[in-house]
N, C-alpha and C. Protein backbone atom coordinates (compact mmCIF):
# COMPACT_ATOMS: atom_id res chain seq x y z
N MET A 1 1.09 -0.91 0.34
CA MET A 1 0.43 0.24 0.38
C MET A 1 0.41 1.12 -0.36
N ASP A 2 0.85 1.85 -0.55
CA ASP A 2 1.39 3.54 -1.34
C ASP A 2 1.51 4.15 0.30
N LYS A 3 2.09 5.00 0.57
CA LYS A 3 1.93 6.09 1.87
C LYS A 3 1.20 6.71 1.91
N LEU A 4 -0.41 7.09 2.70
CA LEU A 4 -1.55 6.98 3.46
C LEU A 4 -0.93 8.84 4.00
N ARG A 5 -1.94 9.66 3.79
CA ARG A 5 -1.82 11.08 3.98
C ARG A 5 -3.31 11.02 4.99
N ILE A 6 -2.73 11.01 6.08
CA ILE A 6 -3.84 10.65 6.89
C ILE A 6 -4.30 11.86 7.87
N VAL A 7 -5.53 12.30 8.58
CA VAL A 7 -5.49 13.02 9.25
C VAL A 7 -6.97 12.62 9.91
N LEU A 8 -6.38 12.77 12.09
CA LEU A 8 -7.54 11.54 12.13
C LEU A 8 -7.52 13.42 13.72
N ALA A 9 -8.70 12.90 13.34
CA ALA A 9 -9.58 13.86 14.11
C ALA A 9 -10.00 13.19 15.97
N ASP A 10 -9.07 13.73 17.43
CA ASP A 10 -9.75 12.97 17.91
C ASP A 10 -9.64 14.40 19.44
N ASP A 11 -9.98 14.32 20.20
CA ASP A 11 -9.56 15.45 21.63
C ASP A 11 -9.20 15.32 22.28
N HIS A 12 -8.50 13.05 22.41
CA HIS A 12 -8.33 12.93 23.63
C HIS A 12 -6.83 12.54 23.39
N PRO A 13 -5.71 12.97 23.93
CA PRO A 13 -4.07 12.78 23.75
C PRO A 13 -4.10 11.04 23.40
N LEU A 14 -4.22 10.46 24.47
CA LEU A 14 -4.21 9.24 24.67
C LEU A 14 -4.65 8.22 24.06
N PHE A 15 -6.18 8.70 23.58
CA PHE A 15 -6.83 7.83 22.18
C PHE A 15 -6.25 8.17 20.91
N VAL A 16 -4.95 9.66 20.93
CA VAL A 16 -4.73 9.33 19.19
C VAL A 16 -3.22 8.93 19.38
N LEU A 17 -2.74 9.23 20.58
CA LEU A 17 -1.47 8.08 20.61
C LEU A 17 -1.16 6.35 20.45
N GLY A 18 -2.50 6.08 21.05
CA GLY A 18 -3.01 5.09 21.00
C GLY A 18 -3.56 4.35 19.63
N VAL A 19 -3.89 5.46 18.89
CA VAL A 19 -4.47 5.25 17.45
C VAL A 19 -2.98 5.36 16.66
N LYS A 20 -2.13 5.78 17.08
CA LYS A 20 -1.03 6.24 15.93
C LYS A 20 0.34 5.40 15.64
N GLY A 21 -0.08 4.70 17.19
CA GLY A 21 0.76 3.62 17.53
C GLY A 21 0.52 2.53 16.92
N LEU A 22 -0.75 2.73 16.72
CA LEU A 22 -1.48 1.23 15.81
C LEU A 22 -1.52 0.90 14.36
N ILE A 23 -0.93 2.09 13.98
CA ILE A 23 -1.50 2.25 12.57
C ILE A 23 0.63 1.50 12.98
N ALA A 24 1.13 2.45 13.34
CA ALA A 24 2.58 2.14 12.74
C ALA A 24 3.35 0.74 13.59
N GLN A 25 1.83 0.00 13.82
CA GLN A 25 2.70 -1.29 14.61
C GLN A 25 2.39 -2.47 13.45
N ARG A 26 0.96 -1.61 12.78
CA ARG A 26 0.08 -3.07 11.94
C ARG A 26 1.02 -2.67 10.76
N ARG A 27 2.32 -1.87 10.22
CA ARG A 27 2.56 -1.09 8.92
C ARG A 27 1.30 -0.51 7.66
N ILE A 28 0.71 0.32 8.66
CA ILE A 28 -1.01 0.71 7.44
C ILE A 28 -0.27 1.64 6.96
N GLY A 29 -0.33 1.71 5.65
CA GLY A 29 0.11 2.54 4.47
C GLY A 29 1.81 2.70 5.13
N ILE A 30 2.54 2.52 4.46
CA ILE A 30 4.00 2.42 4.91
C ILE A 30 4.57 3.30 5.87
N GLY A 31 4.93 4.12 6.23
CA GLY A 31 5.37 5.35 6.85
C GLY A 31 4.13 6.42 6.23
N ALA A 32 3.29 5.99 6.69
CA ALA A 32 1.75 7.20 6.93
C ALA A 32 2.54 8.25 7.27
N ALA A 33 1.79 9.51 6.58
CA ALA A 33 1.64 10.59 7.42
C ALA A 33 0.48 10.94 8.31
N ILE A 34 0.90 11.54 9.39
CA ILE A 34 -0.69 12.01 10.79
C ILE A 34 -0.41 13.04 10.94
N GLN A 35 -1.41 14.30 10.70
CA GLN A 35 -1.66 14.74 11.16
C GLN A 35 -2.91 14.89 12.51
N VAL A 36 -3.01 15.77 13.45
CA VAL A 36 -3.29 15.44 14.02
C VAL A 36 -4.14 17.14 14.73
N ALA A 37 -5.60 16.71 14.05
CA ALA A 37 -6.97 18.02 15.27
C ALA A 37 -7.14 17.79 16.28
N SER A 38 -7.34 18.63 17.41
CA SER A 38 -8.09 18.16 18.37
C SER A 38 -9.47 18.36 19.15
N ASP A 39 -9.79 19.51 17.53
CA ASP A 39 -11.40 20.30 17.17
C ASP A 39 -11.87 20.44 16.36
N SER A 40 -12.94 20.63 15.94
CA SER A 40 -13.51 20.14 14.52
C SER A 40 -13.20 21.72 13.76
N ASP A 41 -13.31 22.76 14.59
CA ASP A 41 -12.93 23.79 14.32
C ASP A 41 -10.79 24.00 12.59
N ALA A 42 -10.38 23.27 13.85
CA ALA A 42 -9.13 22.88 13.31
C ALA A 42 -9.05 21.62 12.53
N LEU A 43 -10.01 20.99 12.53
CA LEU A 43 -9.84 19.91 11.82
C LEU A 43 -10.71 20.53 9.95
N ILE A 44 -11.63 21.25 9.97
CA ILE A 44 -11.63 21.71 8.70
C ILE A 44 -10.96 23.19 8.50
N ASP A 45 -9.52 23.67 9.22
CA ASP A 45 -8.84 24.51 8.83
C ASP A 45 -7.57 23.82 8.41
N MET A 46 -7.72 21.83 8.72
CA MET A 46 -5.95 21.52 8.08
C MET A 46 -6.96 20.85 6.34
N LEU A 47 -8.15 19.76 7.08
CA LEU A 47 -8.48 19.97 5.21
C LEU A 47 -8.34 21.20 4.21
N GLY A 48 -8.79 22.31 4.59
CA GLY A 48 -8.84 23.00 3.84
C GLY A 48 -6.82 23.59 3.57
N THR A 49 -6.30 23.02 3.69
CA THR A 49 -4.54 23.35 3.62
C THR A 49 -3.71 22.49 3.54
N ILE A 50 -3.90 21.18 3.67
CA ILE A 50 -2.69 20.50 3.78
C ILE A 50 -3.29 19.25 2.62
N PRO A 51 -3.20 18.66 1.97
CA PRO A 51 -3.77 17.28 0.91
C PRO A 51 -3.27 16.01 1.79
N CYS A 52 -5.05 15.38 2.13
CA CYS A 52 -4.84 14.39 2.66
C CYS A 52 -5.95 13.23 1.61
N ASP A 53 -5.77 11.89 2.35
CA ASP A 53 -6.20 10.80 1.18
C ASP A 53 -7.40 10.24 2.46
N LEU A 54 -7.63 10.19 3.66
CA LEU A 54 -8.23 9.49 4.94
C LEU A 54 -8.08 10.47 5.71
N LEU A 55 -9.34 10.65 5.70
CA LEU A 55 -9.96 11.36 7.24
C LEU A 55 -10.24 10.06 8.47
N VAL A 56 -9.73 10.50 9.36
CA VAL A 56 -10.26 9.10 10.60
C VAL A 56 -11.26 9.83 11.53
N THR A 57 -12.06 9.86 12.31
CA THR A 57 -12.36 11.21 12.76
C THR A 57 -13.57 10.64 14.07
N GLU A 58 -13.35 11.11 15.36
CA GLU A 58 -14.11 10.99 16.19
C GLU A 58 -15.95 11.62 15.97
N TYR A 59 -16.97 11.10 16.25
CA TYR A 59 -17.93 11.83 15.85
C TYR A 59 -18.48 12.44 16.90
N VAL A 60 -18.35 12.70 18.63
CA VAL A 60 -18.78 13.76 18.78
C VAL A 60 -17.15 14.48 19.69
N MET A 61 -16.87 15.97 19.32
CA MET A 61 -15.50 15.89 19.93
C MET A 61 -15.85 17.57 20.19
N PRO A 62 -14.88 18.68 20.16
CA PRO A 62 -15.66 19.51 20.30
C PRO A 62 -14.69 21.04 19.13
N GLY A 63 -15.79 21.99 19.66
CA GLY A 63 -15.96 22.90 18.00
C GLY A 63 -16.60 24.53 17.79
N LEU A 64 -16.18 25.43 17.53
CA LEU A 64 -17.41 26.37 17.34
C LEU A 64 -18.13 25.94 16.58
N ARG A 65 -17.36 26.34 15.53
CA ARG A 65 -17.69 26.72 13.87
C ARG A 65 -18.16 26.22 13.21
N TYR A 66 -18.22 24.31 13.23
CA TYR A 66 -18.80 23.05 12.67
C TYR A 66 -18.70 22.45 13.66
N GLY A 67 -19.26 22.36 14.66
CA GLY A 67 -20.36 21.68 15.75
C GLY A 67 -19.22 20.36 15.45
N ASP A 68 -20.28 19.35 15.55
CA ASP A 68 -19.79 17.67 15.17
C ASP A 68 -21.12 17.27 15.48
N GLY A 69 -20.75 15.71 15.61
CA GLY A 69 -22.21 15.04 14.23
C GLY A 69 -22.69 15.02 13.61
N MET A 70 -23.28 14.69 13.32
CA MET A 70 -24.67 14.94 11.87
C MET A 70 -24.17 16.12 11.00
N ARG A 71 -24.12 16.99 11.63
CA ARG A 71 -23.40 18.52 11.88
C ARG A 71 -21.99 18.72 10.43
N LEU A 72 -21.06 18.16 11.75
CA LEU A 72 -19.96 18.48 10.69
C LEU A 72 -19.86 17.07 10.18
N LEU A 73 -20.12 16.18 9.51
CA LEU A 73 -20.49 14.95 8.61
C LEU A 73 -20.60 15.63 7.68
N GLY A 74 -21.80 16.26 7.71
CA GLY A 74 -22.31 16.55 6.53
C GLY A 74 -21.91 17.92 6.14
N TYR A 75 -21.15 19.22 6.59
CA TYR A 75 -20.11 19.54 6.40
C TYR A 75 -18.77 19.09 5.28
N VAL A 76 -18.20 18.18 5.97
CA VAL A 76 -16.97 17.71 5.32
C VAL A 76 -17.90 16.86 4.21
N ARG A 77 -18.26 16.21 3.64
CA ARG A 77 -19.01 15.00 3.25
C ARG A 77 -19.51 16.49 1.33
N ARG A 78 -20.15 17.44 2.04
CA ARG A 78 -20.16 18.54 1.68
C ARG A 78 -18.95 18.96 0.27
N THR A 79 -17.98 19.70 1.04
CA THR A 79 -16.97 20.38 1.01
C THR A 79 -15.77 19.78 0.97
N PHE A 80 -15.49 18.37 0.96
CA PHE A 80 -14.39 17.72 0.27
C PHE A 80 -14.90 16.22 0.09
N PRO A 81 -16.04 16.30 -1.23
CA PRO A 81 -16.14 15.25 -1.46
C PRO A 81 -15.74 13.87 -1.66
N GLU A 82 -14.76 14.60 -2.53
CA GLU A 82 -13.54 13.15 -2.89
C GLU A 82 -13.18 12.47 -1.16
N LEU A 83 -13.09 13.34 0.00
CA LEU A 83 -12.36 12.92 1.00
C LEU A 83 -13.33 11.53 1.28
N ARG A 84 -12.39 10.56 1.78
CA ARG A 84 -12.53 8.88 2.54
C ARG A 84 -12.55 9.42 4.02
N VAL A 85 -14.36 9.43 4.51
CA VAL A 85 -13.53 9.45 5.77
C VAL A 85 -14.45 7.69 6.64
N ILE A 86 -13.44 7.69 7.48
CA ILE A 86 -13.72 7.13 8.56
C ILE A 86 -14.26 7.71 9.61
N VAL A 87 -15.36 6.98 10.52
CA VAL A 87 -15.83 7.64 12.22
C VAL A 87 -15.79 6.67 12.41
N LEU A 88 -15.09 7.09 14.02
CA LEU A 88 -14.79 5.98 15.07
C LEU A 88 -16.23 6.27 16.09
N THR A 89 -16.21 5.56 16.86
CA THR A 89 -17.73 6.50 17.91
C THR A 89 -17.52 5.82 18.88
N THR A 90 -18.79 5.53 20.09
CA THR A 90 -18.92 5.22 21.74
C THR A 90 -20.05 5.63 20.98
N VAL A 91 -20.91 5.91 20.48
CA VAL A 91 -22.53 5.83 20.54
C VAL A 91 -23.11 4.59 20.18
N HIS A 92 -24.88 4.37 21.49
CA HIS A 92 -24.85 3.07 21.28
C HIS A 92 -26.41 2.77 20.48
N ASN A 93 -26.91 4.53 20.40
CA ASN A 93 -27.73 3.93 19.25
C ASN A 93 -27.83 4.13 17.85
N ILE A 94 -28.99 3.37 17.77
CA ILE A 94 -29.32 1.97 16.44
C ILE A 94 -29.28 3.16 15.32
N GLY A 95 -30.17 4.08 16.05
CA GLY A 95 -30.79 5.22 15.08
C GLY A 95 -29.63 6.37 14.17
N VAL A 96 -29.01 6.98 15.72
CA VAL A 96 -28.05 7.50 15.05
C VAL A 96 -26.44 6.78 13.64
N ARG A 97 -26.72 5.31 14.50
CA ARG A 97 -25.39 4.72 14.15
C ARG A 97 -25.67 4.70 12.19
N GLY A 98 -27.30 4.23 12.13
CA GLY A 98 -27.42 4.18 10.69
C GLY A 98 -27.55 5.23 10.02
N SER A 99 -27.54 6.66 10.70
CA SER A 99 -27.77 7.88 10.24
C SER A 99 -26.29 7.94 9.53
N ILE A 100 -25.79 8.59 10.58
CA ILE A 100 -23.33 8.41 9.72
C ILE A 100 -23.56 7.33 8.79
N TRP A 101 -24.12 6.20 8.45
CA TRP A 101 -23.99 5.55 7.70
C TRP A 101 -23.92 6.12 6.11
N ARG A 102 -24.86 6.20 6.65
CA ARG A 102 -26.30 7.15 5.35
C ARG A 102 -25.77 8.18 4.54
N THR A 103 -25.06 8.98 5.66
CA THR A 103 -24.10 10.45 4.92
C THR A 103 -22.84 9.53 4.03
N GLY A 104 -22.96 8.04 3.95
CA GLY A 104 -22.38 7.69 2.54
C GLY A 104 -20.49 8.23 3.31
N VAL A 105 -19.79 8.04 4.45
CA VAL A 105 -19.14 7.89 4.67
C VAL A 105 -18.21 6.39 4.26
N ALA A 106 -17.32 6.35 4.21
CA ALA A 106 -16.27 5.18 3.59
C ALA A 106 -16.26 3.38 5.02
N GLY A 107 -16.83 3.92 6.22
CA GLY A 107 -16.15 3.51 7.45
C GLY A 107 -16.18 4.17 8.91
N LEU A 108 -16.67 2.66 9.14
CA LEU A 108 -17.80 3.18 10.50
C LEU A 108 -16.87 1.98 11.79
N VAL A 109 -16.27 2.77 12.95
CA VAL A 109 -16.05 1.25 13.42
C VAL A 109 -16.37 1.85 14.44
N SER A 110 -16.76 1.55 15.51
CA SER A 110 -17.07 0.90 17.14
C SER A 110 -15.55 0.98 17.73
N LYS A 111 -15.67 1.59 18.86
CA LYS A 111 -14.13 2.34 19.28
C LYS A 111 -14.55 0.77 20.25
N ALA A 112 -15.20 -0.40 20.20
CA ALA A 112 -15.76 -1.33 20.98
C ALA A 112 -14.34 -2.61 21.07
N ASP A 113 -14.64 -2.55 19.31
CA ASP A 113 -12.97 -2.93 18.75
C ASP A 113 -12.74 -2.36 18.20
N LEU A 114 -12.31 -1.45 17.75
CA LEU A 114 -11.29 -0.53 17.03
C LEU A 114 -10.02 -1.04 16.91
N THR A 115 -9.76 -1.60 18.30
CA THR A 115 -8.22 -2.34 17.93
C THR A 115 -7.66 -3.18 17.26
N GLU A 116 -8.96 -4.36 16.89
CA GLU A 116 -8.99 -5.35 15.12
C GLU A 116 -9.55 -4.11 13.97
N ALA A 117 -10.16 -3.73 14.23
CA ALA A 117 -11.25 -3.25 13.22
C ALA A 117 -10.78 -2.27 12.81
N LEU A 118 -9.80 -1.10 13.53
CA LEU A 118 -9.57 0.60 12.52
C LEU A 118 -8.57 -0.48 11.24
N PRO A 119 -7.52 -1.13 11.81
CA PRO A 119 -6.79 -1.46 10.01
C PRO A 119 -7.42 -1.98 9.41
N ILE A 120 -8.03 -3.65 9.52
CA ILE A 120 -9.02 -3.45 8.23
C ILE A 120 -9.93 -2.40 7.72
N ALA A 121 -10.30 -1.45 8.25
CA ALA A 121 -10.37 -0.41 7.86
C ALA A 121 -10.45 0.91 7.15
N ILE A 122 -8.86 0.41 7.90
CA ILE A 122 -8.23 1.63 6.53
C ILE A 122 -7.27 1.24 5.34
N GLN A 123 -7.41 0.18 5.04
CA GLN A 123 -7.24 -0.83 4.77
C GLN A 123 -7.76 -1.55 3.25
N ALA A 124 -9.51 -1.73 3.86
CA ALA A 124 -10.51 -1.53 3.16
C ALA A 124 -11.08 -0.47 2.27
N VAL A 125 -10.73 0.66 3.17
CA VAL A 125 -11.17 2.35 2.81
C VAL A 125 -10.55 2.50 0.95
N ALA A 126 -9.72 2.24 2.14
CA ALA A 126 -7.87 2.81 1.09
C ALA A 126 -7.86 2.47 -0.47
N GLY A 127 -8.35 1.17 -0.36
CA GLY A 127 -8.60 -0.12 -1.11
C GLY A 127 -9.70 0.89 -2.12
N GLY A 128 -10.93 1.38 -1.80
CA GLY A 128 -11.99 1.95 -2.22
C GLY A 128 -13.07 0.85 -1.93
N ARG A 129 -12.82 0.64 -1.17
CA ARG A 129 -14.40 -0.70 -0.61
C ARG A 129 -14.69 0.52 0.76
N ARG A 130 -15.88 0.79 1.10
CA ARG A 130 -16.70 0.71 2.47
C ARG A 130 -16.99 -0.72 3.48
N TYR A 131 -16.16 0.22 4.18
CA TYR A 131 -15.74 -0.94 5.46
C TYR A 131 -17.08 -0.96 7.05
N LEU A 132 -17.55 -1.57 7.46
CA LEU A 132 -18.46 -1.36 9.07
C LEU A 132 -17.57 -2.69 9.70
N SER A 133 -17.50 -1.87 10.86
CA SER A 133 -16.24 -3.06 12.00
C SER A 133 -18.12 -3.96 12.34
N PRO A 134 -17.09 -5.18 13.15
CA PRO A 134 -18.43 -6.17 13.48
C PRO A 134 -19.44 -5.91 13.85
N MET A 135 -19.05 -5.19 14.97
CA MET A 135 -19.58 -4.36 16.23
C MET A 135 -21.13 -3.39 15.51
N MET A 136 -20.85 -2.85 14.61
CA MET A 136 -21.62 -1.87 13.82
C MET A 136 -22.24 -2.21 12.88
N ARG A 137 -22.26 -3.43 11.90
CA ARG A 137 -22.79 -4.69 11.04
C ARG A 137 -23.64 -4.48 12.20
N ALA A 138 -23.29 -5.35 12.86
CA ALA A 138 -24.62 -6.22 13.87
C ALA A 138 -25.45 -5.92 14.29
N SER A 139 -24.94 -4.35 14.53
CA SER A 139 -26.15 -3.52 15.42
C SER A 139 -27.09 -3.57 14.22
N LEU A 140 -26.30 -3.01 13.54
CA LEU A 140 -27.11 -2.18 12.21
C LEU A 140 -28.28 -3.12 11.42
N ILE A 141 -27.76 -4.42 11.42
CA ILE A 141 -28.60 -5.45 10.94
C ILE A 141 -29.54 -5.57 12.20
N ALA A 142 -28.92 -5.57 13.36
CA ALA A 142 -30.70 -5.65 14.54
C ALA A 142 -31.52 -5.07 14.41
N GLY A 143 -30.92 -3.43 13.81
CA GLY A 143 -31.83 -2.28 13.77
C GLY A 143 -32.19 -2.33 12.47
N ASP A 144 -32.38 -3.11 11.57
CA ASP A 144 -32.76 -3.29 9.97
C ASP A 144 -32.15 -2.74 9.39
N THR A 145 -31.41 -2.12 9.68
CA THR A 145 -30.22 -1.67 8.91
C THR A 145 -29.53 -1.57 8.23
N THR A 146 -28.90 -1.65 6.64
CA THR A 146 -27.84 -3.20 6.71
C THR A 146 -26.97 -1.93 5.83
N ALA A 147 -25.92 -2.54 5.06
CA ALA A 147 -24.94 -1.01 4.61
C ALA A 147 -25.21 -0.31 3.62
N ASP A 148 -25.79 -0.52 2.74
CA ASP A 148 -26.77 0.00 1.92
C ASP A 148 -27.93 0.92 2.66
N GLY A 149 -27.94 0.48 3.50
CA GLY A 149 -29.82 0.99 4.33
C GLY A 149 -30.60 -0.14 3.59
N SER A 150 -30.16 -0.72 3.15
CA SER A 150 -31.98 -1.89 2.53
C SER A 150 -32.13 -2.57 3.54
N ALA A 151 -32.88 -3.59 4.02
CA ALA A 151 -32.91 -4.21 5.48
C ALA A 151 -32.85 -5.82 4.34
N VAL A 152 -31.94 -6.70 5.12
CA VAL A 152 -31.46 -7.99 5.20
C VAL A 152 -32.10 -8.83 5.72
N ARG A 153 -32.70 -10.41 5.77
CA ARG A 153 -33.51 -10.94 5.98
C ARG A 153 -32.12 -12.05 5.88
N LEU A 154 -32.01 -12.87 7.54
CA LEU A 154 -31.71 -13.82 7.05
C LEU A 154 -32.97 -14.92 7.03
N SER A 155 -32.74 -16.64 6.70
CA SER A 155 -33.57 -17.64 7.02
C SER A 155 -34.24 -17.59 8.51
N PRO A 156 -34.51 -18.17 8.34
CA PRO A 156 -34.66 -19.04 9.38
C PRO A 156 -33.69 -20.27 10.16
N ARG A 157 -33.48 -21.14 9.17
CA ARG A 157 -32.45 -21.50 8.39
C ARG A 157 -30.78 -21.73 9.05
N GLU A 158 -31.08 -20.13 7.75
CA GLU A 158 -29.54 -19.35 7.83
C GLU A 158 -29.29 -19.08 9.10
N SER A 159 -29.68 -18.10 10.04
CA SER A 159 -29.34 -17.68 11.25
C SER A 159 -29.19 -18.98 12.24
N GLU A 160 -29.55 -20.06 11.78
CA GLU A 160 -29.55 -20.91 12.94
C GLU A 160 -28.46 -21.36 12.62
N VAL A 161 -28.19 -21.58 11.60
CA VAL A 161 -26.80 -22.63 11.03
C VAL A 161 -26.04 -21.66 11.71
N LEU A 162 -25.81 -20.38 11.15
CA LEU A 162 -24.55 -19.31 11.15
C LEU A 162 -24.58 -19.92 12.97
N ARG A 163 -25.60 -19.65 13.54
CA ARG A 163 -25.61 -19.34 15.64
C ARG A 163 -24.83 -21.17 15.63
N LEU A 164 -25.24 -22.18 14.80
CA LEU A 164 -24.61 -23.44 15.43
C LEU A 164 -22.90 -23.00 15.15
N PHE A 165 -23.01 -22.84 13.64
CA PHE A 165 -21.17 -22.46 13.82
C PHE A 165 -20.79 -21.89 15.01
N ALA A 166 -20.89 -20.40 14.67
CA ALA A 166 -20.75 -19.34 15.68
C ALA A 166 -20.25 -19.75 16.93
N SER A 167 -21.31 -20.91 17.60
CA SER A 167 -20.86 -21.53 18.85
C SER A 167 -20.03 -21.94 19.13
N GLY A 168 -19.23 -22.88 17.61
CA GLY A 168 -17.66 -23.62 17.67
C GLY A 168 -18.24 -25.41 17.02
N LEU A 169 -19.31 -25.59 16.54
CA LEU A 169 -20.11 -26.84 16.16
C LEU A 169 -19.17 -27.01 14.75
N SER A 170 -18.81 -28.19 14.25
CA SER A 170 -17.97 -28.49 13.27
C SER A 170 -19.09 -28.37 11.59
N ALA A 171 -19.50 -28.94 10.49
CA ALA A 171 -20.40 -28.71 9.94
C ALA A 171 -21.19 -29.91 10.21
N ALA A 172 -20.34 -31.30 10.53
CA ALA A 172 -20.88 -32.20 10.62
C ALA A 172 -21.73 -32.71 11.91
N GLU A 173 -21.09 -31.49 12.80
CA GLU A 173 -22.39 -31.71 13.66
C GLU A 173 -23.20 -30.37 13.56
N VAL A 174 -22.82 -30.02 13.11
CA VAL A 174 -24.34 -29.06 12.27
C VAL A 174 -25.37 -29.58 11.26
N ALA A 175 -24.76 -30.75 10.94
CA ALA A 175 -25.90 -31.35 10.17
C ALA A 175 -26.49 -32.56 11.19
N ASP A 176 -25.69 -33.56 12.06
CA ASP A 176 -26.40 -33.74 12.83
C ASP A 176 -27.22 -33.14 13.53
N ARG A 177 -27.06 -32.19 14.14
CA ARG A 177 -28.23 -31.81 15.51
C ARG A 177 -29.05 -31.31 14.42
N LEU A 178 -29.67 -30.46 13.05
CA LEU A 178 -30.67 -30.04 12.10
C LEU A 178 -31.21 -31.21 11.62
N GLN A 179 -30.29 -32.64 11.82
CA GLN A 179 -30.71 -33.98 10.73
C GLN A 179 -31.42 -32.87 9.67
N ARG A 180 -30.04 -32.39 8.77
CA ARG A 180 -30.10 -32.51 7.00
C ARG A 180 -28.30 -32.27 7.04
N SER A 181 -28.43 -32.72 5.85
CA SER A 181 -27.09 -33.30 4.96
C SER A 181 -25.59 -31.88 5.26
N ARG A 182 -24.70 -32.32 4.74
CA ARG A 182 -23.79 -31.16 5.96
C ARG A 182 -23.56 -30.46 3.85
N LYS A 183 -23.90 -30.96 3.46
CA LYS A 183 -24.08 -30.14 1.91
C LYS A 183 -25.23 -29.10 2.09
N THR A 184 -26.42 -29.29 2.56
CA THR A 184 -27.04 -28.56 2.40
C THR A 184 -26.64 -27.28 3.90
N ILE A 185 -25.97 -28.10 5.04
CA ILE A 185 -25.78 -27.08 5.93
C ILE A 185 -24.92 -25.61 5.57
N SER A 186 -23.50 -27.12 4.81
CA SER A 186 -23.32 -25.77 3.62
C SER A 186 -23.35 -24.35 2.77
N ARG A 187 -24.20 -25.05 1.99
CA ARG A 187 -25.10 -24.02 1.80
C ARG A 187 -25.62 -22.63 1.84
N HIS A 188 -26.87 -23.47 2.95
CA HIS A 188 -27.38 -22.43 4.03
C HIS A 188 -25.86 -21.21 5.14
N LYS A 189 -24.86 -22.24 5.13
CA LYS A 189 -23.40 -21.22 5.91
C LYS A 189 -23.27 -20.43 4.35
N ARG A 190 -22.89 -20.59 3.51
CA ARG A 190 -22.66 -20.02 2.38
C ARG A 190 -23.68 -18.61 2.06
N SER A 191 -24.93 -19.40 1.75
CA SER A 191 -26.01 -17.95 1.60
C SER A 191 -26.33 -16.93 2.78
N GLY A 192 -26.11 -17.53 4.38
CA GLY A 192 -25.38 -16.42 4.96
C GLY A 192 -25.12 -15.82 5.13
N MET A 193 -24.14 -16.19 5.38
CA MET A 193 -22.56 -15.34 5.50
C MET A 193 -22.87 -14.39 4.33
N ALA A 194 -22.91 -14.85 2.57
CA ALA A 194 -22.79 -13.87 1.82
C ALA A 194 -24.77 -12.52 2.21
N ARG A 195 -25.25 -12.98 2.55
CA ARG A 195 -26.40 -11.74 2.86
C ARG A 195 -25.67 -10.86 3.65
N LEU A 196 -24.76 -10.79 4.65
CA LEU A 196 -23.80 -10.59 5.96
C LEU A 196 -23.22 -9.67 5.21
N GLY A 197 -21.90 -9.78 4.14
CA GLY A 197 -21.50 -9.47 3.82
C GLY A 197 -20.15 -10.26 4.94
N ILE A 198 -19.69 -11.27 4.67
CA ILE A 198 -19.33 -12.14 5.75
C ILE A 198 -18.37 -12.79 4.65
N THR A 199 -16.98 -13.13 4.91
CA THR A 199 -16.17 -13.69 4.07
C THR A 199 -15.18 -14.72 4.82
N THR A 200 -14.75 -14.45 6.05
CA THR A 200 -14.46 -15.63 6.95
C THR A 200 -15.03 -15.75 8.02
N ASP A 201 -14.48 -17.45 9.05
CA ASP A 201 -15.08 -18.07 10.10
C ASP A 201 -14.80 -16.74 11.06
N SER A 202 -13.89 -16.17 11.37
CA SER A 202 -13.21 -15.15 12.16
C SER A 202 -14.08 -13.95 12.10
N ALA A 203 -14.40 -14.06 10.85
CA ALA A 203 -14.82 -12.61 10.55
C ALA A 203 -17.04 -13.41 11.53
N LEU A 204 -17.73 -14.38 10.83
CA LEU A 204 -18.63 -14.87 11.78
C LEU A 204 -18.60 -14.69 13.00
N PHE A 205 -17.58 -15.30 13.81
CA PHE A 205 -17.44 -15.73 15.39
C PHE A 205 -17.91 -14.00 15.29
N GLN A 206 -17.24 -12.95 15.52
CA GLN A 206 -16.84 -11.68 15.57
C GLN A 206 -18.29 -11.16 15.24
N TYR A 207 -19.17 -11.45 14.43
CA TYR A 207 -20.21 -10.85 14.17
C TYR A 207 -21.34 -11.47 14.77
N MET A 208 -21.25 -12.70 15.79
CA MET A 208 -22.41 -13.68 15.98
C MET A 208 -22.75 -13.11 17.80
N SER A 209 -20.83 -12.70 18.02
CA SER A 209 -21.03 -11.93 19.45
C SER A 209 -21.66 -10.54 19.81
N ALA A 210 -21.13 -9.51 18.47
CA ALA A 210 -21.57 -8.75 18.64
C ALA A 210 -23.15 -8.67 18.21
N TYR A 211 -23.39 -9.22 17.12
CA TYR A 211 -25.21 -9.03 17.14
C TYR A 211 -25.93 -9.99 18.75
N ASP A 212 -24.84 -10.45 19.21
CA ASP A 212 -26.00 -10.82 20.16
C ASP A 212 -25.84 -10.02 21.71
N ALA A 213 -24.68 -9.09 21.49
CA ALA A 213 -24.32 -8.45 22.62
C ALA A 213 -25.26 -6.93 22.06
N SER A 214 -25.20 -6.92 21.08
CA SER A 214 -26.43 -5.85 20.82
C SER A 214 -28.10 -6.02 21.10
N GLN A 215 -27.96 -6.95 20.29
CA GLN A 215 -30.09 -7.82 20.74
C GLN A 215 -30.47 -7.58 22.51
N THR A 216 -28.68 -7.47 23.26
CA THR A 216 -29.57 -8.28 24.43
C THR A 216 -29.33 -6.34 25.30
N ALA A 217 -28.77 -5.43 24.36
CA ALA A 217 -28.42 -3.97 24.79
C ALA A 217 -30.03 -3.59 24.19
N ARG A 218 -29.95 -3.76 23.24
CA ARG A 218 -31.67 -3.72 22.66
C ARG A 218 -32.40 -3.77 23.61
N ARG A 219 -32.90 -5.68 24.51
CA ARG A 219 -34.18 -5.57 24.92
C ARG A 219 -34.09 -5.08 25.89
N ARG A 220 -32.80 -4.28 26.54
CA ARG A 220 -32.43 -3.43 27.87
C ARG A 220 -33.23 -2.17 28.18
N GLY A 221 -33.14 -1.60 26.56
CA GLY A 221 -33.17 -0.53 26.33
C GLY A 221 -32.01 0.76 26.42
N LEU A 222 -31.20 0.09 26.02
CA LEU A 222 -30.01 0.75 26.13
C LEU A 222 -29.35 1.50 24.61
N THR A 223 -30.85 1.01 23.81
CA THR A 223 -29.48 1.45 22.32
C THR A 223 -30.78 2.55 21.48
């Protein structure tokens, strides 16, 4: 991957240090040039004066002229339409998460799974793809919002098969449990993962874990 010019916007110095260390440790965009803005006013001034390939920004941050949240994202998207943006957030509300994604940002990452997800997000977005971290993907689907803003429904069988695989059962064990052939079970697994945009078993385990946590929080009224 070519050297990336990244602007990192967050008002917590220790967090910024951690993210810079993570990028260096994972060797993302070898020798990536990282500029830091600690409020939205400084961020907009910076974007207007220096070249930037990728903005990694917290959703909630201080700033007077441009605010934060949806107001700031809207301004960035209108003023710098070619800029690729990854939003980091601790916001739990499913509606807010869906609204952020529908602004057209390139990536949306929960700070809860940032260590694993941010390097993947940067690589995906730098390669021209959009990316949702496992926690975000699970919560958006739990809230009937998917990556493109439409509704995706797993069939009851797909959901059951994926849950059993995520619990650690093998294909043979799932087939035995459901009294179906291994070929049928494999087909349900492939189709379910395809609907969710998941391509690996490790991502499936992450997704199902995050989905269960999101559903529990939703039942308790925390989202």
